[in-house]
């Protein structure tokens, strides 16, 4: 086989990698190593928090059949509760998103009564949930994921593909892409906020026992 024949497939693979990145089963765990523990703690001292409100003491779960988004940025940050406990998070910021078969749940343990679940569902029967300027402060995410025009390892303070304000601290890890598609999405999060959040076919239930999304 000639040299020219050997080089051609490599060039083709490089061109494909520049436009789309598909990860069979994407899993993102937020730990201090993601953004640098020392820098995050310094950021907490300087008031650099992911959201402008105090988070509750409970994480909640999110699942969906599919989420599609344009303009995505992911970076490490911090949340804080009313007792000033600091929670390291990974912020997933999406400029415009559509979500099929959304489920959101939180499980609470009450004395005597036991476990009580609050579950919200929406975006079924061909009418997806629609969101703009969506920020999710998560500690875990998994799903079959594809990015387009993905940049990994970019300085978090220079991210420019997500919603306005979707930047982290200088010198810390960041990643971004033109678009993202996640199938079989599962997330665990401390907080979420959005500019708009349209829930088609909203259904909210409170019941005894463990009835979480996953």
C-alpha atoms as a PDB file:
ATOM      1  CA  UNK A   1       0.000   0.000   0.000  1.00  0.00           C
ATOM      2  CA  UNK A   2       1.392   3.450  -0.916  1.00  0.00           C
ATOM      3  CA  UNK A   3       2.047   6.303   1.500  1.00  0.00           C
ATOM      4  CA  UNK A   4      -0.680   8.404  -0.127  1.00  0.00           C
ATOM      5  CA  UNK A   5      -3.305   5.675   0.475  1.00  0.00           C
ATOM      6  CA  UNK A   6      -2.317   5.336   4.119  1.00  0.00           C
ATOM      7  CA  UNK A   7      -2.585   9.057   4.915  1.00  0.00           C
ATOM      8  CA  UNK A   8      -5.987   9.694   3.328  1.00  0.00           C
ATOM      9  CA  UNK A   9      -8.163   7.875   5.966  1.00  0.00           C
ATOM     10  CA  UNK A  10      -6.334   9.702   8.762  1.00  0.00           C
ATOM     11  CA  UNK A  11      -7.081  13.087   7.217  1.00  0.00           C
ATOM     12  CA  UNK A  12     -10.726  12.140   6.740  1.00  0.00           C
ATOM     13  CA  UNK A  13     -11.043  11.053  10.382  1.00  0.00           C
ATOM     14  CA  UNK A  14      -9.529  14.337  11.583  1.00  0.00           C
ATOM     15  CA  UNK A  15     -12.014  16.356   9.518  1.00  0.00           C
ATOM     16  CA  UNK A  16     -14.932  14.380  10.944  1.00  0.00           C
ATOM     17  CA  UNK A  17     -13.683  14.818  14.514  1.00  0.00           C
ATOM     18  CA  UNK A  18     -13.602  18.588  14.084  1.00  0.00           C
ATOM     19  CA  UNK A  19     -17.332  18.797  13.310  1.00  0.00           C
ATOM     20  CA  UNK A  20     -18.963  16.193  15.596  1.00  0.00           C
ATOM     21  CA  UNK A  21     -18.026  14.369  18.770  1.00  0.00           C
ATOM     22  CA  UNK A  22     -20.196  11.386  19.711  1.00  0.00           C
ATOM     23  CA  UNK A  23     -19.599   9.676  23.057  1.00  0.00           C
ATOM     24  CA  UNK A  24     -21.363   6.337  23.415  1.00  0.00           C
ATOM     25  CA  UNK A  25     -22.270   6.756  27.079  1.00  0.00           C
ATOM     26  CA  UNK A  26     -21.356  10.184  28.420  1.00  0.00           C
ATOM     27  CA  UNK A  27     -20.890  10.407  32.202  1.00  0.00           C
ATOM     28  CA  UNK A  28     -19.931  13.625  33.986  1.00  0.00           C
ATOM     29  CA  UNK A  29     -19.197  13.646  37.703  1.00  0.00           C
ATOM     30  CA  UNK A  30     -18.535  16.977  39.354  1.00  0.00           C
ATOM     31  CA  UNK A  31     -15.670  16.722  41.797  1.00  0.00           C
ATOM     32  CA  UNK A  32     -13.259  19.425  42.908  1.00  0.00           C
ATOM     33  CA  UNK A  33     -10.694  18.043  40.469  1.00  0.00           C
ATOM     34  CA  UNK A  34     -12.910  19.139  37.595  1.00  0.00           C
ATOM     35  CA  UNK A  35     -12.293  22.800  38.303  1.00  0.00           C
ATOM     36  CA  UNK A  36      -9.489  22.860  40.875  1.00  0.00           C
ATOM     37  CA  UNK A  37     -10.384  22.591  44.562  1.00  0.00           C
ATOM     38  CA  UNK A  38      -8.211  25.474  45.739  1.00  0.00           C
ATOM     39  CA  UNK A  39      -9.491  27.875  43.105  1.00  0.00           C
ATOM     40  CA  UNK A  40     -13.103  26.947  43.831  1.00  0.00           C
ATOM     41  CA  UNK A  41     -12.712  27.577  47.541  1.00  0.00           C
ATOM     42  CA  UNK A  42     -11.076  30.903  46.772  1.00  0.00           C
ATOM     43  CA  UNK A  43     -14.017  31.673  44.513  1.00  0.00           C
ATOM     44  CA  UNK A  44     -16.422  30.910  47.360  1.00  0.00           C
ATOM     45  CA  UNK A  45     -14.605  33.398  49.552  1.00  0.00           C
ATOM     46  CA  UNK A  46     -14.937  36.004  46.800  1.00  0.00           C
ATOM     47  CA  UNK A  47     -18.640  35.313  46.226  1.00  0.00           C
ATOM     48  CA  UNK A  48     -18.304  33.517  42.869  1.00  0.00           C
ATOM     49  CA  UNK A  49     -21.403  31.313  43.057  1.00  0.00           C
ATOM     50  CA  UNK A  50     -23.218  29.477  40.279  1.00  0.00           C
ATOM     51  CA  UNK A  51     -26.722  30.682  41.187  1.00  0.00           C
ATOM     52  CA  UNK A  52     -27.975  33.857  42.854  1.00  0.00           C
ATOM     53  CA  UNK A  53     -30.134  32.012  45.403  1.00  0.00           C
ATOM     54  CA  UNK A  54     -29.388  29.720  48.348  1.00  0.00           C
ATOM     55  CA  UNK A  55     -29.950  26.097  47.354  1.00  0.00           C
ATOM     56  CA  UNK A  56     -31.935  23.676  49.483  1.00  0.00           C
ATOM     57  CA  UNK A  57     -30.336  20.839  51.395  1.00  0.00           C
ATOM     58  CA  UNK A  58     -31.747  18.302  48.917  1.00  0.00           C
ATOM     59  CA  UNK A  59     -30.572  17.283  45.497  1.00  0.00           C
ATOM     60  CA  UNK A  60     -33.171  16.410  42.873  1.00  0.00           C
ATOM     61  CA  UNK A  61     -33.168  14.088  39.878  1.00  0.00           C
ATOM     62  CA  UNK A  62     -33.908  14.841  36.221  1.00  0.00           C
ATOM     63  CA  UNK A  63     -34.463  12.339  33.425  1.00  0.00           C
ATOM     64  CA  UNK A  64     -35.596  12.618  29.811  1.00  0.00           C
ATOM     65  CA  UNK A  65     -35.918  10.456  26.726  1.00  0.00           C
ATOM     66  CA  UNK A  66     -34.027  13.079  24.736  1.00  0.00           C
ATOM     67  CA  UNK A  67     -32.674  16.589  25.210  1.00  0.00           C
ATOM     68  CA  UNK A  68     -31.597  18.756  22.264  1.00  0.00           C
ATOM     69  CA  UNK A  69     -29.803  22.032  22.789  1.00  0.00           C
ATOM     70  CA  UNK A  70     -28.057  24.803  20.879  1.00  0.00           C
ATOM     71  CA  UNK A  71     -25.249  26.824  22.426  1.00  0.00           C
ATOM     72  CA  UNK A  72     -23.881  24.757  25.327  1.00  0.00           C
ATOM     73  CA  UNK A  73     -21.199  25.491  27.931  1.00  0.00           C
ATOM     74  CA  UNK A  74     -20.075  23.282  30.829  1.00  0.00           C
ATOM     75  CA  UNK A  75     -17.817  24.453  33.659  1.00  0.00           C
ATOM     76  CA  UNK A  76     -17.156  23.984  37.370  1.00  0.00           C
ATOM     77  CA  UNK A  77     -18.638  26.307  39.979  1.00  0.00           C
ATOM     78  CA  UNK A  78     -20.144  26.422  43.476  1.00  0.00           C
ATOM     79  CA  UNK A  79     -23.577  26.584  45.098  1.00  0.00           C
ATOM     80  CA  UNK A  80     -24.242  27.595  48.699  1.00  0.00           C
ATOM     81  CA  UNK A  81     -27.103  26.756  51.069  1.00  0.00           C
ATOM     82  CA  UNK A  82     -28.615  28.922  53.827  1.00  0.00           C
ATOM     83  CA  UNK A  83     -26.126  27.491  56.334  1.00  0.00           C
ATOM     84  CA  UNK A  84     -23.302  28.658  54.042  1.00  0.00           C
ATOM     85  CA  UNK A  85     -22.295  25.105  53.154  1.00  0.00           C
ATOM     86  CA  UNK A  86     -20.521  25.142  49.791  1.00  0.00           C
ATOM     87  CA  UNK A  87     -21.528  22.597  47.135  1.00  0.00           C
ATOM     88  CA  UNK A  88     -19.167  21.972  44.177  1.00  0.00           C
ATOM     89  CA  UNK A  89     -21.179  21.644  40.961  1.00  0.00           C
ATOM     90  CA  UNK A  90     -20.770  21.357  37.232  1.00  0.00           C
ATOM     91  CA  UNK A  91     -22.886  23.970  35.478  1.00  0.00           C
ATOM     92  CA  UNK A  92     -24.472  22.875  32.193  1.00  0.00           C
ATOM     93  CA  UNK A  93     -25.688  26.025  30.439  1.00  0.00           C
ATOM     94  CA  UNK A  94     -27.784  25.769  27.256  1.00  0.00           C
ATOM     95  CA  UNK A  95     -29.020  28.721  25.227  1.00  0.00           C
ATOM     96  CA  UNK A  96     -32.066  26.963  23.721  1.00  0.00           C
ATOM     97  CA  UNK A  97     -33.258  23.467  24.641  1.00  0.00           C
ATOM     98  CA  UNK A  98     -36.052  21.021  23.834  1.00  0.00           C
ATOM     99  CA  UNK A  99     -36.716  18.084  26.157  1.00  0.00           C
ATOM    100  CA  UNK A 100     -38.844  15.016  25.407  1.00  0.00           C
ATOM    101  CA  UNK A 101     -40.593  13.225  28.291  1.00  0.00           C
ATOM    102  CA  UNK A 102     -39.068  15.255  31.122  1.00  0.00           C
ATOM    103  CA  UNK A 103     -39.203  13.880  34.662  1.00  0.00           C
ATOM    104  CA  UNK A 104     -38.072  15.748  37.778  1.00  0.00           C
ATOM    105  CA  UNK A 105     -38.259  14.311  41.279  1.00  0.00           C
ATOM    106  CA  UNK A 106     -37.143  14.836  44.851  1.00  0.00           C
ATOM    107  CA  UNK A 107     -37.351  12.346  47.716  1.00  0.00           C
ATOM    108  CA  UNK A 108     -37.844  13.535  51.317  1.00  0.00           C
ATOM    109  CA  UNK A 109     -37.597  11.482  54.511  1.00  0.00           C
ATOM    110  CA  UNK A 110     -40.057  12.635  57.209  1.00  0.00           C
ATOM    111  CA  UNK A 111     -40.116  11.454  60.843  1.00  0.00           C
ATOM    112  CA  UNK A 112     -42.929   8.939  61.462  1.00  0.00           C
ATOM    113  CA  UNK A 113     -44.412   9.479  57.972  1.00  0.00           C
ATOM    114  CA  UNK A 114     -41.389   8.072  56.160  1.00  0.00           C
ATOM    115  CA  UNK A 115     -40.485   8.699  52.519  1.00  0.00           C
ATOM    116  CA  UNK A 116     -42.463  11.158  50.400  1.00  0.00           C
ATOM    117  CA  UNK A 117     -41.798  11.727  46.694  1.00  0.00           C
ATOM    118  CA  UNK A 118     -42.594  14.812  44.627  1.00  0.00           C
ATOM    119  CA  UNK A 119     -42.516  14.069  40.906  1.00  0.00           C
ATOM    120  CA  UNK A 120     -43.114  16.395  37.966  1.00  0.00           C
ATOM    121  CA  UNK A 121     -43.482  15.264  34.367  1.00  0.00           C
ATOM    122  CA  UNK A 122     -44.011  17.170  31.105  1.00  0.00           C
ATOM    123  CA  UNK A 123     -43.157  17.178  27.423  1.00  0.00           C
ATOM    124  CA  UNK A 124     -45.004  14.047  26.343  1.00  0.00           C
ATOM    125  CA  UNK A 125     -47.074  13.190  23.239  1.00  0.00           C
ATOM    126  CA  UNK A 126     -44.936  15.100  20.760  1.00  0.00           C
ATOM    127  CA  UNK A 127     -44.920  18.438  22.633  1.00  0.00           C
ATOM    128  CA  UNK A 128     -41.434  18.854  24.114  1.00  0.00           C
ATOM    129  CA  UNK A 129     -40.541  21.056  27.041  1.00  0.00           C
ATOM    130  CA  UNK A 130     -38.975  24.255  25.689  1.00  0.00           C
ATOM    131  CA  UNK A 131     -36.405  26.306  27.570  1.00  0.00           C
ATOM    132  CA  UNK A 132     -34.152  29.295  26.982  1.00  0.00           C
ATOM    133  CA  UNK A 133     -31.064  30.338  28.962  1.00  0.00           C
ATOM    134  CA  UNK A 134     -31.146  27.109  30.961  1.00  0.00           C
ATOM    135  CA  UNK A 135     -28.573  26.580  33.740  1.00  0.00           C
ATOM    136  CA  UNK A 136     -28.395  23.255  35.615  1.00  0.00           C
ATOM    137  CA  UNK A 137     -26.041  22.969  38.601  1.00  0.00           C
ATOM    138  CA  UNK A 138     -25.416  19.235  38.612  1.00  0.00           C
ATOM    139  CA  UNK A 139     -23.298  16.676  40.395  1.00  0.00           C
ATOM    140  CA  UNK A 140     -23.940  13.812  37.961  1.00  0.00           C
ATOM    141  CA  UNK A 141     -25.018  13.388  34.357  1.00  0.00           C
ATOM    142  CA  UNK A 142     -25.217  10.362  32.079  1.00  0.00           C
ATOM    143  CA  UNK A 143     -26.655   9.572  28.666  1.00  0.00           C
ATOM    144  CA  UNK A 144     -25.838   8.817  25.045  1.00  0.00           C
ATOM    145  CA  UNK A 145     -24.437  12.162  23.966  1.00  0.00           C
ATOM    146  CA  UNK A 146     -23.351  13.918  20.789  1.00  0.00           C
ATOM    147  CA  UNK A 147     -21.765  17.381  20.588  1.00  0.00           C
ATOM    148  CA  UNK A 148     -21.044  19.456  17.500  1.00  0.00           C
ATOM    149  CA  UNK A 149     -17.966  21.710  17.273  1.00  0.00           C
ATOM    150  CA  UNK A 150     -16.832  20.621  20.735  1.00  0.00           C
ATOM    151  CA  UNK A 151     -14.037  22.422  22.595  1.00  0.00           C
ATOM    152  CA  UNK A 152     -12.615  20.691  25.694  1.00  0.00           C
ATOM    153  CA  UNK A 153     -10.207  22.290  28.146  1.00  0.00           C
ATOM    154  CA  UNK A 154     -11.003  25.905  27.278  1.00  0.00           C
ATOM    155  CA  UNK A 155     -10.473  28.490  30.025  1.00  0.00           C
ATOM    156  CA  UNK A 156     -13.865  28.718  31.735  1.00  0.00           C
ATOM    157  CA  UNK A 157     -13.752  32.519  31.815  1.00  0.00           C
ATOM    158  CA  UNK A 158     -13.595  32.672  27.991  1.00  0.00           C
ATOM    159  CA  UNK A 159     -16.568  30.426  27.154  1.00  0.00           C
ATOM    160  CA  UNK A 160     -18.755  32.143  24.546  1.00  0.00           C
ATOM    161  CA  UNK A 161     -21.135  29.577  23.025  1.00  0.00           C
ATOM    162  CA  UNK A 162     -23.634  29.260  25.878  1.00  0.00           C
ATOM    163  CA  UNK A 163     -26.181  31.733  27.262  1.00  0.00           C
ATOM    164  CA  UNK A 164     -25.153  35.172  28.475  1.00  0.00           C
ATOM    165  CA  UNK A 165     -23.241  34.826  31.750  1.00  0.00           C
ATOM    166  CA  UNK A 166     -22.259  31.197  31.120  1.00  0.00           C
ATOM    167  CA  UNK A 167     -18.624  31.565  32.125  1.00  0.00           C
ATOM    168  CA  UNK A 168     -16.631  30.187  35.022  1.00  0.00           C
ATOM    169  CA  UNK A 169     -13.564  31.397  36.856  1.00  0.00           C
ATOM    170  CA  UNK A 170     -10.318  32.275  35.095  1.00  0.00           C
ATOM    171  CA  UNK A 171      -7.800  29.417  34.674  1.00  0.00           C
ATOM    172  CA  UNK A 172     -10.418  26.746  35.402  1.00  0.00           C
ATOM    173  CA  UNK A 173     -11.581  23.947  33.099  1.00  0.00           C
ATOM    174  CA  UNK A 174     -14.394  24.556  30.636  1.00  0.00           C
ATOM    175  CA  UNK A 175     -15.940  22.904  27.593  1.00  0.00           C
ATOM    176  CA  UNK A 176     -18.455  24.095  25.019  1.00  0.00           C
ATOM    177  CA  UNK A 177     -20.117  23.213  21.735  1.00  0.00           C
ATOM    178  CA  UNK A 178     -22.468  24.549  19.097  1.00  0.00           C
ATOM    179  CA  UNK A 179     -25.061  21.900  19.947  1.00  0.00           C
ATOM    180  CA  UNK A 180     -25.724  18.876  22.152  1.00  0.00           C
ATOM    181  CA  UNK A 181     -28.080  15.895  21.909  1.00  0.00           C
ATOM    182  CA  UNK A 182     -28.509  13.524  24.856  1.00  0.00           C
ATOM    183  CA  UNK A 183     -30.586  10.343  24.747  1.00  0.00           C
ATOM    184  CA  UNK A 184     -31.647   8.552  27.958  1.00  0.00           C
ATOM    185  CA  UNK A 185     -30.601  11.568  30.025  1.00  0.00           C
ATOM    186  CA  UNK A 186     -30.136  11.220  33.788  1.00  0.00           C
ATOM    187  CA  UNK A 187     -28.951  14.070  36.022  1.00  0.00           C
ATOM    188  CA  UNK A 188     -28.629  14.747  39.727  1.00  0.00           C
ATOM    189  CA  UNK A 189     -28.563  18.441  40.596  1.00  0.00           C
ATOM    190  CA  UNK A 190     -28.673  21.050  43.345  1.00  0.00           C
ATOM    191  CA  UNK A 191     -30.327  23.811  41.319  1.00  0.00           C
ATOM    192  CA  UNK A 192     -31.696  24.878  37.949  1.00  0.00           C
ATOM    193  CA  UNK A 193     -32.813  28.213  36.582  1.00  0.00           C
ATOM    194  CA  UNK A 194     -33.962  29.431  33.185  1.00  0.00           C
ATOM    195  CA  UNK A 195     -34.992  32.559  31.351  1.00  0.00           C
ATOM    196  CA  UNK A 196     -38.107  30.757  30.100  1.00  0.00           C
ATOM    197  CA  UNK A 197     -39.348  27.222  30.777  1.00  0.00           C
ATOM    198  CA  UNK A 198     -42.452  26.021  28.936  1.00  0.00           C
ATOM    199  CA  UNK A 199     -43.887  22.771  30.325  1.00  0.00           C
ATOM    200  CA  UNK A 200     -46.375  21.177  27.922  1.00  0.00           C
ATOM    201  CA  UNK A 201     -48.704  18.693  29.625  1.00  0.00           C
ATOM    202  CA  UNK A 202     -47.420  19.391  33.140  1.00  0.00           C
ATOM    203  CA  UNK A 203     -48.308  16.716  35.695  1.00  0.00           C
ATOM    204  CA  UNK A 204     -47.204  17.057  39.343  1.00  0.00           C
ATOM    205  CA  UNK A 205     -47.751  14.390  41.991  1.00  0.00           C
ATOM    206  CA  UNK A 206     -46.882  13.967  45.663  1.00  0.00           C
ATOM    207  CA  UNK A 207     -47.081  10.457  47.077  1.00  0.00           C
ATOM    208  CA  UNK A 208     -45.714   8.335  49.878  1.00  0.00           C
ATOM    209  CA  UNK A 209     -42.787   6.068  49.115  1.00  0.00           C
ATOM    210  CA  UNK A 210     -39.872   6.201  46.704  1.00  0.00           C
ATOM    211  CA  UNK A 211     -41.158   7.303  43.297  1.00  0.00           C
ATOM    212  CA  UNK A 212     -38.141   9.044  41.785  1.00  0.00           C
ATOM    213  CA  UNK A 213     -37.343   9.420  38.097  1.00  0.00           C
ATOM    214  CA  UNK A 214     -34.499   6.876  38.336  1.00  0.00           C
END
